[in-house]
Amino acid sequence: MGAIVLPKKSQQVTICNKLGLHARAATKLAQLSQKFSAQITLELAGKKADAGSIMALMLLAGGQGKTVNITAQGEDAQLALTEICQLISDKFDEAE
C-alpha cells in the first residue's frame, strides 16, 4: 500500500492593509486557519510560519505591500487557501 498524498495548493497574495500583519490581523488569520484540517503555512522573504500561530505570523513582519506565499496541504486545502486569501485581500476587515 502506498502513502496517501493529500492535495497541496499554494497561492501568492499581497498584504494591502495599512498596518500589515500586526497583532489583530495575525489573530484573525490564525483563528481562520485553525478552522481547517489542512496544514497551512505562510512564507515571506525566506521565513516560514505556521498560519495557526499568532506569534509566528507576527514574526514574519509582513508589512503593507509585501507578498506572501500561502501553502495549504490537506483535504480542505483549496477552501482554506481561498478563504485566507480573501481575508488578506479584504484587508482583514479593517477600516482604514
C-alpha atoms as a PDB file:
ATOM      1  CA  MET A   1       0.000   0.000   0.000  1.00  0.00           C
ATOM      2  CA  GLY A   2       1.266   3.458  -0.882  1.00  0.00           C
ATOM      3  CA  ALA A   3       1.020   6.504   1.298  1.00  0.00           C
ATOM      4  CA  ILE A   4      -1.963   8.748   0.789  1.00  0.00           C
ATOM      5  CA  VAL A   5      -0.858  12.035  -0.732  1.00  0.00           C
ATOM      6  CA  LEU A   6      -3.006  14.924   0.423  1.00  0.00           C
ATOM      7  CA  PRO A   7      -3.633  17.764  -2.015  1.00  0.00           C
ATOM      8  CA  LYS A   8      -1.223  20.688  -1.711  1.00  0.00           C
ATOM      9  CA  LYS A   9      -2.159  24.117  -3.006  1.00  0.00           C
ATOM     10  CA  SER A  10      -0.331  27.409  -2.881  1.00  0.00           C
ATOM     11  CA  GLN A  11      -1.001  30.977  -3.880  1.00  0.00           C
ATOM     12  CA  GLN A  12       0.660  34.360  -3.536  1.00  0.00           C
ATOM     13  CA  VAL A  13      -1.183  37.350  -2.161  1.00  0.00           C
ATOM     14  CA  THR A  14      -0.121  40.906  -1.349  1.00  0.00           C
ATOM     15  CA  ILE A  15      -0.798  42.338   2.088  1.00  0.00           C
ATOM     16  CA  CYS A  16      -2.728  45.519   1.375  1.00  0.00           C
ATOM     17  CA  ASN A  17      -3.975  46.753   4.750  1.00  0.00           C
ATOM     18  CA  LYS A  18      -2.233  49.796   6.197  1.00  0.00           C
ATOM     19  CA  LEU A  19      -0.813  48.134   9.324  1.00  0.00           C
ATOM     20  CA  GLY A  20       0.223  44.861   7.685  1.00  0.00           C
ATOM     21  CA  LEU A  21       0.291  41.606   9.613  1.00  0.00           C
ATOM     22  CA  HIS A  22       0.008  43.207  13.073  1.00  0.00           C
ATOM     23  CA  ALA A  23      -1.486  41.597  16.194  1.00  0.00           C
ATOM     24  CA  ARG A  24      -5.187  41.919  15.310  1.00  0.00           C
ATOM     25  CA  ALA A  25      -4.667  40.796  11.702  1.00  0.00           C
ATOM     26  CA  ALA A  26      -2.465  37.879  12.801  1.00  0.00           C
ATOM     27  CA  THR A  27      -5.136  36.837  15.313  1.00  0.00           C
ATOM     28  CA  LYS A  28      -7.864  36.847  12.643  1.00  0.00           C
ATOM     29  CA  LEU A  29      -5.666  34.885  10.266  1.00  0.00           C
ATOM     30  CA  ALA A  30      -4.699  32.316  12.912  1.00  0.00           C
ATOM     31  CA  GLN A  31      -8.310  31.845  14.021  1.00  0.00           C
ATOM     32  CA  LEU A  32      -9.435  31.323  10.426  1.00  0.00           C
ATOM     33  CA  SER A  33      -6.573  28.888   9.751  1.00  0.00           C
ATOM     34  CA  GLN A  34      -7.477  26.803  12.786  1.00  0.00           C
ATOM     35  CA  LYS A  35     -10.939  26.099  11.309  1.00  0.00           C
ATOM     36  CA  PHE A  36      -9.380  23.891   8.637  1.00  0.00           C
ATOM     37  CA  SER A  37      -7.818  20.461   8.867  1.00  0.00           C
ATOM     38  CA  ALA A  38      -5.216  21.428   6.241  1.00  0.00           C
ATOM     39  CA  GLN A  39      -1.695  22.334   7.337  1.00  0.00           C
ATOM     40  CA  ILE A  40      -1.284  25.990   6.358  1.00  0.00           C
ATOM     41  CA  THR A  41       1.976  27.916   6.169  1.00  0.00           C
ATOM     42  CA  LEU A  42       2.885  31.434   5.116  1.00  0.00           C
ATOM     43  CA  GLU A  43       6.260  32.292   3.634  1.00  0.00           C
ATOM     44  CA  LEU A  44       7.774  35.740   3.334  1.00  0.00           C
ATOM     45  CA  ALA A  45      11.372  36.615   2.470  1.00  0.00           C
ATOM     46  CA  GLY A  46      12.557  33.057   3.082  1.00  0.00           C
ATOM     47  CA  LYS A  47      10.882  32.775   6.504  1.00  0.00           C
ATOM     48  CA  LYS A  48       8.028  30.321   7.080  1.00  0.00           C
ATOM     49  CA  ALA A  49       5.291  30.477   9.699  1.00  0.00           C
ATOM     50  CA  ASP A  50       2.513  28.158  10.806  1.00  0.00           C
ATOM     51  CA  ALA A  51      -0.661  30.068   9.953  1.00  0.00           C
ATOM     52  CA  GLY A  52      -2.275  28.840  13.173  1.00  0.00           C
ATOM     53  CA  SER A  53       0.318  30.605  15.350  1.00  0.00           C
ATOM     54  CA  ILE A  54      -0.252  34.309  16.050  1.00  0.00           C
ATOM     55  CA  MET A  55       3.327  34.826  17.254  1.00  0.00           C
ATOM     56  CA  ALA A  56       4.840  33.038  14.238  1.00  0.00           C
ATOM     57  CA  LEU A  57       2.729  35.175  11.893  1.00  0.00           C
ATOM     58  CA  MET A  58       3.799  38.391  13.602  1.00  0.00           C
ATOM     59  CA  LEU A  59       7.468  37.376  13.363  1.00  0.00           C
ATOM     60  CA  LEU A  60       7.142  37.319   9.566  1.00  0.00           C
ATOM     61  CA  ALA A  61       6.958  41.132   9.748  1.00  0.00           C
ATOM     62  CA  GLY A  62       4.519  41.249   6.848  1.00  0.00           C
ATOM     63  CA  GLY A  63       4.071  44.932   6.123  1.00  0.00           C
ATOM     64  CA  GLN A  64       1.789  46.626   3.646  1.00  0.00           C
ATOM     65  CA  GLY A  65       2.814  45.844   0.067  1.00  0.00           C
ATOM     66  CA  LYS A  66       4.666  42.619   0.972  1.00  0.00           C
ATOM     67  CA  THR A  67       3.775  39.488  -0.971  1.00  0.00           C
ATOM     68  CA  VAL A  68       3.313  36.273   0.992  1.00  0.00           C
ATOM     69  CA  ASN A  69       3.157  32.758  -0.366  1.00  0.00           C
ATOM     70  CA  ILE A  70       0.438  30.710   1.307  1.00  0.00           C
ATOM     71  CA  THR A  71       0.584  26.916   1.153  1.00  0.00           C
ATOM     72  CA  ALA A  72      -2.170  24.604   2.344  1.00  0.00           C
ATOM     73  CA  GLN A  73      -1.969  20.819   2.386  1.00  0.00           C
ATOM     74  CA  GLY A  74      -4.848  18.566   3.336  1.00  0.00           C
ATOM     75  CA  GLU A  75      -8.375  17.625   2.399  1.00  0.00           C
ATOM     76  CA  ASP A  76      -9.724  21.177   2.623  1.00  0.00           C
ATOM     77  CA  ALA A  77      -6.590  22.868   1.239  1.00  0.00           C
ATOM     78  CA  GLN A  78      -8.359  24.692  -1.597  1.00  0.00           C
ATOM     79  CA  LEU A  79     -11.112  26.050   0.641  1.00  0.00           C
ATOM     80  CA  ALA A  80      -8.560  27.143   3.249  1.00  0.00           C
ATOM     81  CA  LEU A  81      -6.463  28.900   0.628  1.00  0.00           C
ATOM     82  CA  THR A  82      -9.482  30.646  -0.877  1.00  0.00           C
ATOM     83  CA  GLU A  83     -10.770  31.940   2.477  1.00  0.00           C
ATOM     84  CA  ILE A  84      -7.342  33.051   3.733  1.00  0.00           C
ATOM     85  CA  CYS A  85      -6.555  34.905   0.501  1.00  0.00           C
ATOM     86  CA  GLN A  86      -9.973  36.566   0.709  1.00  0.00           C
ATOM     87  CA  LEU A  87      -9.323  37.690   4.307  1.00  0.00           C
ATOM     88  CA  ILE A  88      -5.992  39.240   3.301  1.00  0.00           C
ATOM     89  CA  SER A  89      -7.488  40.847   0.163  1.00  0.00           C
ATOM     90  CA  ASP A  90     -10.291  42.277   2.318  1.00  0.00           C
ATOM     91  CA  LYS A  91      -7.639  43.995   4.474  1.00  0.00           C
ATOM     92  CA  PHE A  92      -8.520  41.744   7.424  1.00  0.00           C
ATOM     93  CA  ASP A  93     -11.915  43.530   7.564  1.00  0.00           C
ATOM     94  CA  GLU A  94     -10.243  46.649   8.962  1.00  0.00           C
ATOM     95  CA  ALA A  95     -11.449  50.161   8.337  1.00  0.00           C
ATOM     96  CA  GLU A  96      -8.601  52.321   7.084  1.00  0.00           C
END
